[in-house]
Amino acid sequence: MLYADPPTDFEVWSPETAMDRYASNHYPVMSLGQLRAIQPPATKNCVLFLWTTVRWLAQALDLMKEWGFDY
């Protein structure tokens, strides 16, 4: 099993009121391109548990496919 919580970088809903919750203010983030370059340590029959948000769901599914997993 592989558990992943990618440090995604995405814009907040409201730059005026939500910047205190912006991920990069709290930890280093990575672009989708940087995340795609990662080769996760997975065997052929590995199961991926990938944490994501609703706003980033399409990118998470693309990332999962790029890493060699099927939804």
PDB file of N, CA and C in Angstrom:
ATOM      1  N   MET A   1       0.835  -1.185   0.000  1.00  0.00           N
ATOM      2  CA  MET A   1       0.000   0.000   0.000  1.00  0.00           C
ATOM      3  C   MET A   1       0.877   1.245   0.000  1.00  0.00           C
ATOM      4  N   LEU A   2       0.394   2.240  -0.694  1.00  0.00           N
ATOM      5  CA  LEU A   2       1.106   3.509  -0.764  1.00  0.00           C
ATOM      6  C   LEU A   2       0.120   4.612  -0.381  1.00  0.00           C
ATOM      7  N   TYR A   3       0.480   5.377   0.633  1.00  0.00           N
ATOM      8  CA  TYR A   3      -0.325   6.508   1.075  1.00  0.00           C
ATOM      9  C   TYR A   3       0.356   7.790   0.605  1.00  0.00           C
ATOM     10  N   ALA A   4      -0.390   8.685  -0.057  1.00  0.00           N
ATOM     11  CA  ALA A   4       0.205   9.915  -0.569  1.00  0.00           C
ATOM     12  C   ALA A   4      -0.695  11.107  -0.268  1.00  0.00           C
ATOM     13  N   ASP A   5      -0.095  12.145   0.239  1.00  0.00           N
ATOM     14  CA  ASP A   5      -0.764  13.418   0.472  1.00  0.00           C
ATOM     15  C   ASP A   5       0.110  14.472  -0.193  1.00  0.00           C
ATOM     16  N   PRO A   6      -0.003  14.612  -1.513  1.00  0.00           N
ATOM     17  CA  PRO A   6       0.894  15.510  -2.242  1.00  0.00           C
ATOM     18  C   PRO A   6       0.770  16.961  -1.774  1.00  0.00           C
ATOM     19  N   PRO A   7       1.890  17.643  -1.645  1.00  0.00           N
ATOM     20  CA  PRO A   7       1.869  19.052  -1.241  1.00  0.00           C
ATOM     21  C   PRO A   7       1.501  19.940  -2.426  1.00  0.00           C
ATOM     22  N   THR A   8       0.234  19.881  -2.809  1.00  0.00           N
ATOM     23  CA  THR A   8      -0.231  20.588  -4.001  1.00  0.00           C
ATOM     24  C   THR A   8      -0.286  22.086  -3.787  1.00  0.00           C
ATOM     25  N   ASP A   9      -0.080  22.803  -4.876  1.00  0.00           N
ATOM     26  CA  ASP A   9      -0.140  24.258  -4.853  1.00  0.00           C
ATOM     27  C   ASP A   9      -1.331  24.689  -5.693  1.00  0.00           C
ATOM     28  N   PHE A  10      -2.347  25.231  -5.064  1.00  0.00           N
ATOM     29  CA  PHE A  10      -3.494  25.741  -5.803  1.00  0.00           C
ATOM     30  C   PHE A  10      -3.951  27.036  -5.156  1.00  0.00           C
ATOM     31  N   GLU A  11      -4.621  27.860  -5.960  1.00  0.00           N
ATOM     32  CA  GLU A  11      -5.045  29.166  -5.471  1.00  0.00           C
ATOM     33  C   GLU A  11      -6.217  29.041  -4.507  1.00  0.00           C
ATOM     34  N   VAL A  12      -6.272  29.955  -3.571  1.00  0.00           N
ATOM     35  CA  VAL A  12      -7.378  29.990  -2.616  1.00  0.00           C
ATOM     36  C   VAL A  12      -8.599  30.618  -3.281  1.00  0.00           C
ATOM     37  N   TRP A  13      -9.772  30.378  -2.697  1.00  0.00           N
ATOM     38  CA  TRP A  13     -11.012  30.915  -3.262  1.00  0.00           C
ATOM     39  C   TRP A  13     -11.019  32.438  -3.257  1.00  0.00           C
ATOM     40  N   SER A  14     -10.547  33.026  -2.174  1.00  0.00           N
ATOM     41  CA  SER A  14     -10.598  34.478  -2.055  1.00  0.00           C
ATOM     42  C   SER A  14      -9.254  35.013  -1.580  1.00  0.00           C
ATOM     43  N   PRO A  15      -8.488  35.628  -2.452  1.00  0.00           N
ATOM     44  CA  PRO A  15      -7.196  36.185  -2.042  1.00  0.00           C
ATOM     45  C   PRO A  15      -7.327  37.255  -0.950  1.00  0.00           C
ATOM     46  N   GLU A  16      -8.501  37.877  -0.838  1.00  0.00           N
ATOM     47  CA  GLU A  16      -8.691  38.912   0.172  1.00  0.00           C
ATOM     48  C   GLU A  16      -8.863  38.331   1.576  1.00  0.00           C
ATOM     49  N   THR A  17      -9.497  37.161   1.681  1.00  0.00           N
ATOM     50  CA  THR A  17      -9.821  36.649   3.011  1.00  0.00           C
ATOM     51  C   THR A  17      -9.196  35.300   3.360  1.00  0.00           C
ATOM     52  N   ALA A  18      -8.642  34.599   2.392  1.00  0.00           N
ATOM     53  CA  ALA A  18      -8.204  33.225   2.661  1.00  0.00           C
ATOM     54  C   ALA A  18      -6.695  33.017   2.618  1.00  0.00           C
ATOM     55  N   MET A  19      -5.926  34.052   2.512  1.00  0.00           N
ATOM     56  CA  MET A  19      -4.475  33.878   2.381  1.00  0.00           C
ATOM     57  C   MET A  19      -3.852  33.232   3.622  1.00  0.00           C
ATOM     58  N   ASP A  20      -4.486  33.321   4.769  1.00  0.00           N
ATOM     59  CA  ASP A  20      -3.940  32.662   5.956  1.00  0.00           C
ATOM     60  C   ASP A  20      -4.057  31.142   5.841  1.00  0.00           C
ATOM     61  N   ARG A  21      -4.902  30.673   4.926  1.00  0.00           N
ATOM     62  CA  ARG A  21      -5.067  29.228   4.718  1.00  0.00           C
ATOM     63  C   ARG A  21      -4.344  28.737   3.463  1.00  0.00           C
ATOM     64  N   TYR A  22      -3.642  29.612   2.788  1.00  0.00           N
ATOM     65  CA  TYR A  22      -2.917  29.248   1.570  1.00  0.00           C
ATOM     66  C   TYR A  22      -1.798  28.277   1.931  1.00  0.00           C
ATOM     67  N   ALA A  23      -1.775  27.129   1.286  1.00  0.00           N
ATOM     68  CA  ALA A  23      -0.858  26.052   1.655  1.00  0.00           C
ATOM     69  C   ALA A  23       0.598  26.488   1.711  1.00  0.00           C
ATOM     70  N   SER A  24       1.040  27.262   0.739  1.00  0.00           N
ATOM     71  CA  SER A  24       2.460  27.631   0.700  1.00  0.00           C
ATOM     72  C   SER A  24       2.867  28.551   1.851  1.00  0.00           C
ATOM     73  N   ASN A  25       1.905  29.090   2.587  1.00  0.00           N
ATOM     74  CA  ASN A  25       2.221  29.869   3.785  1.00  0.00           C
ATOM     75  C   ASN A  25       2.556  28.965   4.964  1.00  0.00           C
ATOM     76  N   HIS A  26       2.289  27.660   4.822  1.00  0.00           N
ATOM     77  CA  HIS A  26       2.461  26.738   5.942  1.00  0.00           C
ATOM     78  C   HIS A  26       3.482  25.628   5.691  1.00  0.00           C
ATOM     79  N   TYR A  27       3.705  25.276   4.433  1.00  0.00           N
ATOM     80  CA  TYR A  27       4.668  24.220   4.094  1.00  0.00           C
ATOM     81  C   TYR A  27       5.070  24.355   2.631  1.00  0.00           C
ATOM     82  N   PRO A  28       6.195  23.760   2.254  1.00  0.00           N
ATOM     83  CA  PRO A  28       6.616  23.820   0.844  1.00  0.00           C
ATOM     84  C   PRO A  28       5.619  23.062  -0.044  1.00  0.00           C
ATOM     85  N   VAL A  29       5.282  23.641  -1.174  1.00  0.00           N
ATOM     86  CA  VAL A  29       4.346  23.017  -2.101  1.00  0.00           C
ATOM     87  C   VAL A  29       5.072  22.669  -3.403  1.00  0.00           C
ATOM     88  N   MET A  30       4.420  21.829  -4.218  1.00  0.00           N
ATOM     89  CA  MET A  30       4.987  21.407  -5.503  1.00  0.00           C
ATOM     90  C   MET A  30       3.950  21.610  -6.592  1.00  0.00           C
ATOM     91  N   SER A  31       4.420  21.917  -7.787  1.00  0.00           N
ATOM     92  CA  SER A  31       3.524  22.046  -8.932  1.00  0.00           C
ATOM     93  C   SER A  31       3.133  20.653  -9.418  1.00  0.00           C
ATOM     94  N   LEU A  32       2.127  20.594 -10.266  1.00  0.00           N
ATOM     95  CA  LEU A  32       1.710  19.318 -10.829  1.00  0.00           C
ATOM     96  C   LEU A  32       2.852  18.687 -11.631  1.00  0.00           C
ATOM     97  N   GLY A  33       3.599  19.485 -12.341  1.00  0.00           N
ATOM     98  CA  GLY A  33       4.748  18.975 -13.099  1.00  0.00           C
ATOM     99  C   GLY A  33       5.797  18.347 -12.192  1.00  0.00           C
ATOM    100  N   GLN A  34       6.069  18.989 -11.068  1.00  0.00           N
ATOM    101  CA  GLN A  34       7.034  18.433 -10.115  1.00  0.00           C
ATOM    102  C   GLN A  34       6.522  17.126  -9.522  1.00  0.00           C
ATOM    103  N   LEU A  35       5.236  17.069  -9.225  1.00  0.00           N
ATOM    104  CA  LEU A  35       4.655  15.849  -8.661  1.00  0.00           C
ATOM    105  C   LEU A  35       4.673  14.717  -9.685  1.00  0.00           C
ATOM    106  N   ARG A  36       4.432  15.037 -10.949  1.00  0.00           N
ATOM    107  CA  ARG A  36       4.465  14.017 -12.007  1.00  0.00           C
ATOM    108  C   ARG A  36       5.846  13.409 -12.160  1.00  0.00           C
ATOM    109  N   ALA A  37       6.877  14.171 -11.861  1.00  0.00           N
ATOM    110  CA  ALA A  37       8.251  13.683 -12.013  1.00  0.00           C
ATOM    111  C   ALA A  37       8.636  12.670 -10.933  1.00  0.00           C
ATOM    112  N   ILE A  38       7.857  12.587  -9.890  1.00  0.00           N
ATOM    113  CA  ILE A  38       8.157  11.638  -8.807  1.00  0.00           C
ATOM    114  C   ILE A  38       7.853  10.220  -9.271  1.00  0.00           C
ATOM    115  N   GLN A  39       8.720   9.305  -8.953  1.00  0.00           N
ATOM    116  CA  GLN A  39       8.489   7.887  -9.211  1.00  0.00           C
ATOM    117  C   GLN A  39       8.216   7.216  -7.871  1.00  0.00           C
ATOM    118  N   PRO A  40       6.947   7.017  -7.523  1.00  0.00           N
ATOM    119  CA  PRO A  40       6.635   6.444  -6.213  1.00  0.00           C
ATOM    120  C   PRO A  40       7.165   5.016  -6.081  1.00  0.00           C
ATOM    121  N   PRO A  41       7.580   4.626  -4.885  1.00  0.00           N
ATOM    122  CA  PRO A  41       8.106   3.279  -4.649  1.00  0.00           C
ATOM    123  C   PRO A  41       6.955   2.279  -4.562  1.00  0.00           C
ATOM    124  N   ALA A  42       6.476   1.819  -5.716  1.00  0.00           N
ATOM    125  CA  ALA A  42       5.308   0.944  -5.746  1.00  0.00           C
ATOM    126  C   ALA A  42       5.605  -0.323  -6.542  1.00  0.00           C
ATOM    127  N   THR A  43       5.056  -1.430  -6.070  1.00  0.00           N
ATOM    128  CA  THR A  43       5.163  -2.689  -6.809  1.00  0.00           C
ATOM    129  C   THR A  43       3.999  -2.783  -7.792  1.00  0.00           C
ATOM    130  N   LYS A  44       3.992  -3.818  -8.618  1.00  0.00           N
ATOM    131  CA  LYS A  44       2.975  -3.969  -9.659  1.00  0.00           C
ATOM    132  C   LYS A  44       1.552  -4.013  -9.099  1.00  0.00           C
ATOM    133  N   ASN A  45       1.335  -4.678  -8.008  1.00  0.00           N
ATOM    134  CA  ASN A  45      -0.012  -4.821  -7.447  1.00  0.00           C
ATOM    135  C   ASN A  45      -0.268  -3.884  -6.277  1.00  0.00           C
ATOM    136  N   CYS A  46       0.425  -2.780  -6.239  1.00  0.00           N
ATOM    137  CA  CYS A  46       0.305  -1.818  -5.143  1.00  0.00           C
ATOM    138  C   CYS A  46      -1.028  -1.068  -5.229  1.00  0.00           C
ATOM    139  N   VAL A  47      -1.580  -0.732  -4.072  1.00  0.00           N
ATOM    140  CA  VAL A  47      -2.793   0.081  -3.968  1.00  0.00           C
ATOM    141  C   VAL A  47      -2.386   1.473  -3.503  1.00  0.00           C
ATOM    142  N   LEU A  48      -2.903   2.488  -4.186  1.00  0.00           N
ATOM    143  CA  LEU A  48      -2.595   3.873  -3.847  1.00  0.00           C
ATOM    144  C   LEU A  48      -3.774   4.510  -3.131  1.00  0.00           C
ATOM    145  N   PHE A  49      -3.510   5.089  -1.973  1.00  0.00           N
ATOM    146  CA  PHE A  49      -4.476   5.912  -1.258  1.00  0.00           C
ATOM    147  C   PHE A  49      -3.992   7.348  -1.408  1.00  0.00           C
ATOM    148  N   LEU A  50      -4.668   8.119  -2.243  1.00  0.00           N
ATOM    149  CA  LEU A  50      -4.235   9.467  -2.586  1.00  0.00           C
ATOM    150  C   LEU A  50      -5.208  10.489  -2.010  1.00  0.00           C
ATOM    151  N   TRP A  51      -4.709  11.333  -1.114  1.00  0.00           N
ATOM    152  CA  TRP A  51      -5.534  12.382  -0.527  1.00  0.00           C
ATOM    153  C   TRP A  51      -5.577  13.549  -1.498  1.00  0.00           C
ATOM    154  N   THR A  52      -6.757  14.138  -1.654  1.00  0.00           N
ATOM    155  CA  THR A  52      -6.898  15.315  -2.503  1.00  0.00           C
ATOM    156  C   THR A  52      -8.083  16.147  -2.022  1.00  0.00           C
ATOM    157  N   THR A  53      -8.289  17.256  -2.670  1.00  0.00           N
ATOM    158  CA  THR A  53      -9.446  18.104  -2.406  1.00  0.00           C
ATOM    159  C   THR A  53     -10.346  18.064  -3.637  1.00  0.00           C
ATOM    160  N   VAL A  54     -11.575  18.504  -3.483  1.00  0.00           N
ATOM    161  CA  VAL A  54     -12.507  18.510  -4.608  1.00  0.00           C
ATOM    162  C   VAL A  54     -11.982  19.398  -5.733  1.00  0.00           C
ATOM    163  N   ARG A  55     -11.434  20.539  -5.386  1.00  0.00           N
ATOM    164  CA  ARG A  55     -10.925  21.463  -6.412  1.00  0.00           C
ATOM    165  C   ARG A  55      -9.771  20.875  -7.206  1.00  0.00           C
ATOM    166  N   TRP A  56      -9.044  19.923  -6.624  1.00  0.00           N
ATOM    167  CA  TRP A  56      -7.860  19.370  -7.275  1.00  0.00           C
ATOM    168  C   TRP A  56      -8.105  17.938  -7.761  1.00  0.00           C
ATOM    169  N   LEU A  57      -9.357  17.483  -7.769  1.00  0.00           N
ATOM    170  CA  LEU A  57      -9.670  16.096  -8.096  1.00  0.00           C
ATOM    171  C   LEU A  57      -9.224  15.702  -9.501  1.00  0.00           C
ATOM    172  N   ALA A  58      -9.495  16.510 -10.499  1.00  0.00           N
ATOM    173  CA  ALA A  58      -9.097  16.176 -11.877  1.00  0.00           C
ATOM    174  C   ALA A  58      -7.579  16.021 -11.991  1.00  0.00           C
ATOM    175  N   GLN A  59      -6.828  16.926 -11.364  1.00  0.00           N
ATOM    176  CA  GLN A  59      -5.370  16.834 -11.396  1.00  0.00           C
ATOM    177  C   GLN A  59      -4.890  15.607 -10.632  1.00  0.00           C
ATOM    178  N   ALA A  60      -5.547  15.278  -9.533  1.00  0.00           N
ATOM    179  CA  ALA A  60      -5.168  14.101  -8.744  1.00  0.00           C
ATOM    180  C   ALA A  60      -5.374  12.826  -9.553  1.00  0.00           C
ATOM    181  N   LEU A  61      -6.465  12.754 -10.299  1.00  0.00           N
ATOM    182  CA  LEU A  61      -6.702  11.581 -11.142  1.00  0.00           C
ATOM    183  C   LEU A  61      -5.655  11.485 -12.250  1.00  0.00           C
ATOM    184  N   ASP A  62      -5.273  12.630 -12.831  1.00  0.00           N
ATOM    185  CA  ASP A  62      -4.197  12.641 -13.828  1.00  0.00           C
ATOM    186  C   ASP A  62      -2.880  12.199 -13.209  1.00  0.00           C
ATOM    187  N   LEU A  63      -2.593  12.682 -12.016  1.00  0.00           N
ATOM    188  CA  LEU A  63      -1.360  12.315 -11.327  1.00  0.00           C
ATOM    189  C   LEU A  63      -1.333  10.825 -11.031  1.00  0.00           C
ATOM    190  N   MET A  64      -2.447  10.295 -10.594  1.00  0.00           N
ATOM    191  CA  MET A  64      -2.543   8.872 -10.300  1.00  0.00           C
ATOM    192  C   MET A  64      -2.229   8.048 -11.552  1.00  0.00           C
ATOM    193  N   LYS A  65      -2.780   8.456 -12.675  1.00  0.00           N
ATOM    194  CA  LYS A  65      -2.518   7.752 -13.936  1.00  0.00           C
ATOM    195  C   LYS A  65      -1.050   7.877 -14.342  1.00  0.00           C
ATOM    196  N   GLU A  66      -0.508   9.080 -14.174  1.00  0.00           N
ATOM    197  CA  GLU A  66       0.917   9.317 -14.488  1.00  0.00           C
ATOM    198  C   GLU A  66       1.822   8.421 -13.645  1.00  0.00           C
ATOM    199  N   TRP A  67       1.435   8.170 -12.418  1.00  0.00           N
ATOM    200  CA  TRP A  67       2.215   7.307 -11.527  1.00  0.00           C
ATOM    201  C   TRP A  67       1.997   5.828 -11.807  1.00  0.00           C
ATOM    202  N   GLY A  68       1.101   5.492 -12.766  1.00  0.00           N
ATOM    203  CA  GLY A  68       0.907   4.111 -13.148  1.00  0.00           C
ATOM    204  C   GLY A  68      -0.227   3.387 -12.454  1.00  0.00           C
ATOM    205  N   PHE A  69      -1.153   4.133 -11.853  1.00  0.00           N
ATOM    206  CA  PHE A  69      -2.274   3.524 -11.141  1.00  0.00           C
ATOM    207  C   PHE A  69      -3.561   3.726 -11.935  1.00  0.00           C
ATOM    208  N   ASP A  70      -4.497   2.814 -11.766  1.00  0.00           N
ATOM    209  CA  ASP A  70      -5.830   2.921 -12.357  1.00  0.00           C
ATOM    210  C   ASP A  70      -6.817   3.275 -11.261  1.00  0.00           C
ATOM    211  N   TYR A  71      -7.809   4.120 -11.606  1.00  0.00           N
ATOM    212  CA  TYR A  71      -8.838   4.464 -10.642  1.00  0.00           C
ATOM    213  C   TYR A  71      -9.881   3.361 -10.614  1.00  0.00           C
TER     214      TYR A  71
END
